[in-house]
Amino acid sequence: MLEDERSIYHLLCRYGESLDYGLEDQFVGLFETNGSWTIWRDGIVDKGFTGSDELRRFAQGHTRAPDKVHKHVFTNVRIIVDGDTARVSSYFARLDAADDLTESFICEMGQYLDVVVRGNDDQWRFQERVVHGEDHRTSRGGREILSIPVDE
């Protein structure tokens, strides 16, 4: 049980690392091939991506170092393992550096609610990552977080 929890915790760490540094292959590999990532704001879905191709598009459009310096940080992690499935909840904050790197600020905060599954290769991956953005700004520090188009 503790080994599973530790493996899942490492999955969460690799998630932030992959977005912060533009590691697109790593990001896509953190999800099941039919996995999904969705962000909710103000009680409605703001953006959502399902499947490896859409998740790659999401990762490709996400800001990253060295152009935009930020860190995805999580805390208050709860992991409940039930066989080859686990439910995970955690708080998050995205810390961003100003474009001139002279100051930092919280870009966004909220909660992750995840369903992760153990694959045939014994690796844990996201089946579903639901992001609940709990601040409702349309602009984050004067810039958009994602530059990818969202199909209407």
Protein backbone atom coordinates (compact mmCIF):
# COMPACT_ATOMS: atom_id res chain seq x y z
CA MET A 1 0.00 0.00 0.00
CA LEU A 2 2.71 2.52 0.92
CA GLU A 3 4.64 1.64 -2.22
CA ASP A 4 1.54 2.37 -4.33
CA GLU A 5 0.99 5.68 -2.55
CA ARG A 6 4.63 6.65 -3.12
CA SER A 7 4.38 5.77 -6.83
CA ILE A 8 1.22 7.85 -7.15
CA TYR A 9 2.88 10.77 -5.34
CA HIS A 10 5.73 10.60 -7.89
CA LEU A 11 3.13 10.70 -10.67
CA LEU A 12 1.88 14.00 -9.24
CA CYS A 13 5.45 15.35 -9.12
CA ARG A 14 6.13 14.41 -12.75
CA TYR A 15 2.92 16.19 -13.81
CA GLY A 16 4.16 19.57 -12.60
CA GLU A 17 7.66 19.00 -13.93
CA SER A 18 6.38 18.08 -17.39
CA LEU A 19 4.27 21.24 -17.72
CA ASP A 20 6.82 23.57 -16.14
CA TYR A 21 9.59 22.45 -18.52
CA GLY A 22 7.68 21.50 -21.67
CA LEU A 23 8.30 17.74 -21.43
CA GLU A 24 5.44 16.83 -23.74
CA ASP A 25 6.21 13.11 -24.13
CA GLN A 26 6.47 12.76 -20.37
CA PHE A 27 3.17 14.62 -19.90
CA VAL A 28 1.27 12.42 -22.35
CA GLY A 29 2.79 9.31 -20.78
CA LEU A 30 1.36 10.26 -17.39
CA PHE A 31 -2.16 9.59 -18.72
CA GLU A 32 -3.92 6.48 -19.95
CA THR A 33 -4.32 6.66 -23.74
CA ASN A 34 -7.99 7.58 -23.22
CA GLY A 35 -7.27 9.71 -20.15
CA SER A 36 -8.72 13.15 -19.65
CA TRP A 37 -7.77 16.55 -18.19
CA THR A 38 -10.54 19.04 -17.42
CA ILE A 39 -10.57 22.41 -15.68
CA TRP A 40 -13.68 23.75 -14.01
CA ARG A 41 -14.18 27.41 -13.13
CA ASP A 42 -17.33 29.00 -11.71
CA GLY A 43 -19.06 25.61 -11.72
CA ILE A 44 -18.66 24.97 -15.47
CA VAL A 45 -16.07 23.24 -17.64
CA ASP A 46 -13.62 25.85 -18.92
CA LYS A 47 -11.39 23.54 -20.99
CA GLY A 48 -11.10 19.80 -21.46
CA PHE A 49 -8.84 17.39 -23.33
CA THR A 50 -9.32 13.63 -23.78
CA GLY A 51 -6.97 11.10 -25.34
CA SER A 52 -3.27 11.23 -26.12
CA ASP A 53 -3.54 13.56 -29.14
CA GLU A 54 -5.58 16.20 -27.32
CA LEU A 55 -3.40 15.92 -24.21
CA ARG A 56 -0.32 16.47 -26.38
CA ARG A 57 -1.95 19.54 -27.91
CA PHE A 58 -2.64 20.83 -24.41
CA ALA A 59 0.99 20.28 -23.34
CA GLN A 60 2.35 21.86 -26.54
CA GLY A 61 0.30 25.00 -25.95
CA HIS A 62 1.14 25.34 -22.28
CA THR A 63 3.64 28.00 -21.23
CA ARG A 64 7.04 26.68 -20.14
CA ALA A 65 10.58 27.59 -19.18
CA PRO A 66 12.65 29.36 -20.27
CA ASP A 67 10.08 31.67 -21.92
CA LYS A 68 7.67 31.66 -18.96
CA VAL A 69 8.95 30.52 -15.59
CA HIS A 70 6.42 28.84 -13.31
CA LYS A 71 6.06 25.96 -10.89
CA HIS A 72 3.04 23.73 -10.28
CA VAL A 73 3.04 23.09 -6.53
CA PHE A 74 0.71 20.72 -4.68
CA THR A 75 0.01 19.93 -1.06
CA ASN A 76 -2.59 18.30 1.23
CA VAL A 77 -2.43 15.08 -0.80
CA ARG A 78 -4.89 12.31 0.01
CA ILE A 79 -4.52 8.98 -1.76
CA ILE A 80 -7.06 6.18 -1.40
CA VAL A 81 -5.95 3.00 -3.15
CA ASP A 82 -8.48 0.32 -4.01
CA GLY A 83 -6.78 -2.45 -5.96
CA ASP A 84 -5.60 -1.09 -9.32
CA THR A 85 -7.51 2.19 -8.97
CA ALA A 86 -6.91 5.13 -6.67
CA ARG A 87 -8.69 8.38 -5.93
CA VAL A 88 -6.41 11.30 -5.22
CA SER A 89 -7.19 14.80 -4.03
CA SER A 90 -4.74 17.64 -3.48
CA TYR A 91 -4.56 21.40 -3.29
CA PHE A 92 -2.48 23.24 -5.87
CA ALA A 93 -0.99 26.62 -6.57
CA ARG A 94 0.82 27.70 -9.68
CA LEU A 95 3.63 30.09 -8.84
CA ASP A 96 4.76 32.32 -11.69
CA ALA A 97 7.70 34.65 -12.15
CA ALA A 98 7.07 38.03 -13.73
CA ASP A 99 8.33 38.26 -17.30
CA ASP A 100 11.36 40.26 -16.13
CA LEU A 101 11.96 37.66 -13.34
CA THR A 102 12.03 40.36 -10.65
CA GLU A 103 9.06 39.07 -8.66
CA SER A 104 6.81 36.05 -8.24
CA PHE A 105 3.08 35.67 -7.75
CA ILE A 106 0.39 33.04 -7.40
CA CYS A 107 -1.10 32.63 -10.84
CA GLU A 108 -3.84 30.22 -9.88
CA MET A 109 -4.93 27.98 -7.05
CA GLY A 110 -7.47 25.29 -6.43
CA GLN A 111 -7.88 21.57 -6.07
CA TYR A 112 -7.02 18.50 -8.16
CA LEU A 113 -9.40 15.53 -8.06
CA ASP A 114 -7.87 12.53 -9.79
CA VAL A 115 -8.65 8.96 -10.70
CA VAL A 116 -5.45 7.05 -11.34
CA VAL A 117 -5.08 3.47 -12.50
CA ARG A 118 -2.30 0.90 -12.47
CA GLY A 119 -1.46 -0.29 -15.98
CA ASN A 120 -0.33 -3.73 -17.12
CA ASP A 121 3.24 -2.42 -16.83
CA ASP A 122 2.60 -1.73 -13.10
CA GLN A 123 2.82 2.05 -13.65
CA TRP A 124 0.22 4.42 -12.23
CA ARG A 125 -1.33 6.89 -14.70
CA PHE A 126 -4.11 9.45 -14.68
CA GLN A 127 -7.40 8.18 -16.02
CA GLU A 128 -8.97 11.47 -15.12
CA ARG A 129 -7.51 14.71 -13.77
CA VAL A 130 -10.12 17.30 -12.83
CA VAL A 131 -8.82 20.74 -11.94
CA HIS A 132 -11.06 22.99 -9.89
CA GLY A 133 -9.73 26.50 -10.34
CA GLU A 134 -10.92 28.33 -7.25
CA ASP A 135 -10.02 31.82 -8.30
CA HIS A 136 -12.00 33.18 -11.19
CA ARG A 137 -9.73 35.65 -12.92
CA THR A 138 -9.77 35.62 -16.71
CA SER A 139 -6.21 36.93 -16.84
CA ARG A 140 -3.34 35.56 -14.83
CA GLY A 141 -0.71 38.18 -14.14
CA GLY A 142 -1.51 40.02 -17.35
CA ARG A 143 -1.15 37.00 -19.65
CA GLU A 144 -3.09 33.98 -20.71
CA ILE A 145 -2.00 30.65 -19.22
CA LEU A 146 -2.75 28.62 -22.33
CA SER A 147 -2.13 29.77 -25.85
CA ILE A 148 -3.88 26.82 -27.47
CA PRO A 149 -7.18 27.33 -29.27
CA VAL A 150 -10.27 25.78 -27.73
CA ASP A 151 -12.74 24.33 -30.22
CA GLU A 152 -16.18 25.85 -29.77
